[in-house]
Amino acid sequence: MTNAWIKIVVLSIGGALGVNARYWQAVWMARWAPLEFPWATFAINVTGSFLIGLSSAVLVHRFPGNDSARLFVVVGFLGGYTTFSSYTLEAMGLIERDRPFLGAIYLGGSVLFGLGSAALGLAIGRLLATPS
């Protein structure tokens, strides 16, 4: 198996596990969490952010150069679990590299442009879905 195929398999397995973890955590939380706030997504984003910080530090120090472990855990599993974790880690990277202004632009811009893009997508989707 080529190196590219190994990466595809590692990412696919990690991603599939992450997506399932996200779905089943949301199902479990829906049983007891009040519905007026998206508690499951909130919890997934917070735990994903913690896990990406923890796993990134551990993998770099304990398994330096092990690209497959990073691809499986950080990109695959946590990428499937929540992309918010990547967002927060990248923002921390900018801040730690003494680029707090860029970090703030990235954080604020992602939220503002994300909301704007979601609103635009919803509006276009509703126009397309509405019978003429």
C-alpha atoms as a PDB file:
ATOM      1  CA  MET A   1       0.000   0.000   0.000  1.00  0.00           C
ATOM      2  CA  THR A   2       1.412   3.428  -0.920  1.00  0.00           C
ATOM      3  CA  ASN A   3       1.987   6.192   1.582  1.00  0.00           C
ATOM      4  CA  ALA A   4      -0.936   8.164   0.141  1.00  0.00           C
ATOM      5  CA  TRP A   5      -3.308   5.202   0.597  1.00  0.00           C
ATOM      6  CA  ILE A   6      -2.130   4.693   4.172  1.00  0.00           C
ATOM      7  CA  LYS A   7      -2.977   8.340   4.888  1.00  0.00           C
ATOM      8  CA  ILE A   8      -6.389   7.928   3.258  1.00  0.00           C
ATOM      9  CA  VAL A   9      -7.156   4.882   5.408  1.00  0.00           C
ATOM     10  CA  VAL A  10      -5.891   6.505   8.625  1.00  0.00           C
ATOM     11  CA  LEU A  11      -7.886   9.711   7.980  1.00  0.00           C
ATOM     12  CA  SER A  12     -11.010   7.789   6.977  1.00  0.00           C
ATOM     13  CA  ILE A  13     -11.041   5.576  10.060  1.00  0.00           C
ATOM     14  CA  GLY A  14     -10.311   8.507  12.387  1.00  0.00           C
ATOM     15  CA  GLY A  15     -12.960  10.665  10.690  1.00  0.00           C
ATOM     16  CA  ALA A  16     -15.595   7.937  10.817  1.00  0.00           C
ATOM     17  CA  LEU A  17     -14.968   7.411  14.533  1.00  0.00           C
ATOM     18  CA  GLY A  18     -15.083  11.162  15.197  1.00  0.00           C
ATOM     19  CA  VAL A  19     -18.353  11.637  13.318  1.00  0.00           C
ATOM     20  CA  ASN A  20     -19.916   8.765  15.257  1.00  0.00           C
ATOM     21  CA  ALA A  21     -18.634  10.146  18.556  1.00  0.00           C
ATOM     22  CA  ARG A  22     -20.215  13.507  17.736  1.00  0.00           C
ATOM     23  CA  TYR A  23     -23.550  12.001  16.690  1.00  0.00           C
ATOM     24  CA  TRP A  24     -23.901   9.640  19.651  1.00  0.00           C
ATOM     25  CA  GLN A  25     -22.817  12.276  22.167  1.00  0.00           C
ATOM     26  CA  ALA A  26     -25.513  14.585  20.764  1.00  0.00           C
ATOM     27  CA  VAL A  27     -28.112  11.793  20.978  1.00  0.00           C
ATOM     28  CA  TRP A  28     -27.118  11.048  24.566  1.00  0.00           C
ATOM     29  CA  MET A  29     -27.213  14.729  25.567  1.00  0.00           C
ATOM     30  CA  ALA A  30     -30.600  15.318  23.882  1.00  0.00           C
ATOM     31  CA  ARG A  31     -32.131  12.943  26.429  1.00  0.00           C
ATOM     32  CA  TRP A  32     -31.529  15.321  29.329  1.00  0.00           C
ATOM     33  CA  ALA A  33     -30.328  18.722  28.055  1.00  0.00           C
ATOM     34  CA  PRO A  34     -32.874  21.531  27.655  1.00  0.00           C
ATOM     35  CA  LEU A  35     -33.716  22.131  23.992  1.00  0.00           C
ATOM     36  CA  GLU A  36     -33.704  25.952  24.101  1.00  0.00           C
ATOM     37  CA  PHE A  37     -29.876  26.000  23.822  1.00  0.00           C
ATOM     38  CA  PRO A  38     -27.690  23.788  21.588  1.00  0.00           C
ATOM     39  CA  TRP A  39     -25.951  22.114  24.522  1.00  0.00           C
ATOM     40  CA  ALA A  40     -24.679  19.140  22.534  1.00  0.00           C
ATOM     41  CA  THR A  41     -22.883  21.276  19.946  1.00  0.00           C
ATOM     42  CA  PHE A  42     -21.550  23.535  22.688  1.00  0.00           C
ATOM     43  CA  ALA A  43     -20.195  20.545  24.631  1.00  0.00           C
ATOM     44  CA  ILE A  44     -18.728  18.990  21.487  1.00  0.00           C
ATOM     45  CA  ASN A  45     -16.946  22.224  20.571  1.00  0.00           C
ATOM     46  CA  VAL A  46     -15.549  22.688  24.074  1.00  0.00           C
ATOM     47  CA  THR A  47     -14.439  19.074  24.528  1.00  0.00           C
ATOM     48  CA  GLY A  48     -13.028  19.013  20.981  1.00  0.00           C
ATOM     49  CA  SER A  49     -10.982  22.137  21.706  1.00  0.00           C
ATOM     50  CA  PHE A  50      -9.632  20.584  24.898  1.00  0.00           C
ATOM     51  CA  LEU A  51      -8.850  17.298  23.176  1.00  0.00           C
ATOM     52  CA  ILE A  52      -7.061  18.911  20.226  1.00  0.00           C
ATOM     53  CA  GLY A  53      -4.846  20.893  22.583  1.00  0.00           C
ATOM     54  CA  LEU A  54      -4.126  17.868  24.744  1.00  0.00           C
ATOM     55  CA  SER A  55      -3.515  15.445  21.893  1.00  0.00           C
ATOM     56  CA  SER A  56      -1.395  17.908  19.899  1.00  0.00           C
ATOM     57  CA  ALA A  57       0.922  18.458  22.854  1.00  0.00           C
ATOM     58  CA  VAL A  58       1.128  14.771  23.739  1.00  0.00           C
ATOM     59  CA  LEU A  59       1.699  13.618  20.146  1.00  0.00           C
ATOM     60  CA  VAL A  60       4.439  16.177  19.491  1.00  0.00           C
ATOM     61  CA  HIS A  61       6.310  15.326  22.699  1.00  0.00           C
ATOM     62  CA  ARG A  62       5.661  11.599  23.025  1.00  0.00           C
ATOM     63  CA  PHE A  63       5.552  10.574  19.362  1.00  0.00           C
ATOM     64  CA  PRO A  64       7.642  13.103  17.414  1.00  0.00           C
ATOM     65  CA  GLY A  65       7.545  12.540  13.684  1.00  0.00           C
ATOM     66  CA  ASN A  66       4.619  10.103  13.849  1.00  0.00           C
ATOM     67  CA  ASP A  67       2.493  11.642  11.109  1.00  0.00           C
ATOM     68  CA  SER A  68      -0.017   8.763  11.142  1.00  0.00           C
ATOM     69  CA  ALA A  69      -0.904   9.306  14.812  1.00  0.00           C
ATOM     70  CA  ARG A  70      -1.450  13.042  14.231  1.00  0.00           C
ATOM     71  CA  LEU A  71      -3.509  12.374  11.104  1.00  0.00           C
ATOM     72  CA  PHE A  72      -5.630   9.785  12.913  1.00  0.00           C
ATOM     73  CA  VAL A  73      -6.293  11.721  16.125  1.00  0.00           C
ATOM     74  CA  VAL A  74      -6.084  15.423  15.249  1.00  0.00           C
ATOM     75  CA  VAL A  75      -7.139  15.590  11.604  1.00  0.00           C
ATOM     76  CA  GLY A  76      -9.304  12.458  11.355  1.00  0.00           C
ATOM     77  CA  PHE A  77     -11.012  11.878  14.693  1.00  0.00           C
ATOM     78  CA  LEU A  78     -11.172  15.445  15.977  1.00  0.00           C
ATOM     79  CA  GLY A  79     -11.824  16.797  12.480  1.00  0.00           C
ATOM     80  CA  GLY A  80     -14.844  14.495  12.286  1.00  0.00           C
ATOM     81  CA  TYR A  81     -15.826  15.273  15.859  1.00  0.00           C
ATOM     82  CA  THR A  82     -15.646  19.050  15.419  1.00  0.00           C
ATOM     83  CA  THR A  83     -13.845  21.471  13.122  1.00  0.00           C
ATOM     84  CA  PHE A  84     -14.194  24.058  15.877  1.00  0.00           C
ATOM     85  CA  SER A  85     -11.252  22.379  17.592  1.00  0.00           C
ATOM     86  CA  SER A  86      -9.024  23.091  14.575  1.00  0.00           C
ATOM     87  CA  TYR A  87     -10.244  26.684  14.556  1.00  0.00           C
ATOM     88  CA  THR A  88      -9.294  27.230  18.191  1.00  0.00           C
ATOM     89  CA  LEU A  89      -5.911  25.508  17.837  1.00  0.00           C
ATOM     90  CA  GLU A  90      -5.012  27.605  14.792  1.00  0.00           C
ATOM     91  CA  ALA A  91      -6.040  30.775  16.652  1.00  0.00           C
ATOM     92  CA  MET A  92      -3.842  29.754  19.589  1.00  0.00           C
ATOM     93  CA  GLY A  93      -0.975  29.171  17.150  1.00  0.00           C
ATOM     94  CA  LEU A  94      -1.263  32.751  15.893  1.00  0.00           C
ATOM     95  CA  ILE A  95      -1.435  34.099  19.442  1.00  0.00           C
ATOM     96  CA  GLU A  96       1.537  32.006  20.605  1.00  0.00           C
ATOM     97  CA  ARG A  97       3.582  33.232  17.617  1.00  0.00           C
ATOM     98  CA  ASP A  98       3.029  36.806  18.874  1.00  0.00           C
ATOM     99  CA  ARG A  99       0.408  37.549  16.239  1.00  0.00           C
ATOM    100  CA  PRO A 100      -2.549  38.411  18.524  1.00  0.00           C
ATOM    101  CA  PHE A 101      -4.025  40.862  16.018  1.00  0.00           C
ATOM    102  CA  LEU A 102      -4.093  38.177  13.320  1.00  0.00           C
ATOM    103  CA  GLY A 103      -5.543  35.764  15.884  1.00  0.00           C
ATOM    104  CA  ALA A 104      -8.328  38.223  16.683  1.00  0.00           C
ATOM    105  CA  ILE A 105      -9.022  38.799  12.987  1.00  0.00           C
ATOM    106  CA  TYR A 106      -9.128  35.039  12.428  1.00  0.00           C
ATOM    107  CA  LEU A 107     -11.449  34.428  15.386  1.00  0.00           C
ATOM    108  CA  GLY A 108     -13.792  37.348  14.779  1.00  0.00           C
ATOM    109  CA  GLY A 109     -13.690  37.076  11.000  1.00  0.00           C
ATOM    110  CA  SER A 110     -14.482  33.377  11.061  1.00  0.00           C
ATOM    111  CA  VAL A 111     -17.520  33.975  13.263  1.00  0.00           C
ATOM    112  CA  LEU A 112     -18.804  36.996  11.336  1.00  0.00           C
ATOM    113  CA  PHE A 113     -18.153  35.613   7.864  1.00  0.00           C
ATOM    114  CA  GLY A 114     -19.401  32.193   8.971  1.00  0.00           C
ATOM    115  CA  LEU A 115     -22.692  33.671  10.161  1.00  0.00           C
ATOM    116  CA  GLY A 116     -22.978  35.758   7.001  1.00  0.00           C
ATOM    117  CA  SER A 117     -22.246  32.752   4.804  1.00  0.00           C
ATOM    118  CA  ALA A 118     -24.782  30.632   6.685  1.00  0.00           C
ATOM    119  CA  ALA A 119     -27.416  33.357   6.267  1.00  0.00           C
ATOM    120  CA  LEU A 120     -26.645  33.669   2.549  1.00  0.00           C
ATOM    121  CA  GLY A 121     -26.726  29.883   2.093  1.00  0.00           C
ATOM    122  CA  LEU A 122     -30.053  29.647   3.917  1.00  0.00           C
ATOM    123  CA  ALA A 123     -31.543  32.454   1.820  1.00  0.00           C
ATOM    124  CA  ILE A 124     -30.397  30.907  -1.478  1.00  0.00           C
ATOM    125  CA  GLY A 125     -31.463  27.420  -0.346  1.00  0.00           C
ATOM    126  CA  ARG A 126     -34.914  28.687   0.596  1.00  0.00           C
ATOM    127  CA  LEU A 127     -35.263  30.439  -2.773  1.00  0.00           C
ATOM    128  CA  LEU A 128     -34.272  27.275  -4.597  1.00  0.00           C
ATOM    129  CA  ALA A 129     -36.517  25.079  -2.464  1.00  0.00           C
ATOM    130  CA  THR A 130     -39.591  27.270  -2.749  1.00  0.00           C
ATOM    131  CA  PRO A 131     -41.969  26.069  -5.465  1.00  0.00           C
ATOM    132  CA  SER A 132     -42.510  28.628  -8.225  1.00  0.00           C
END
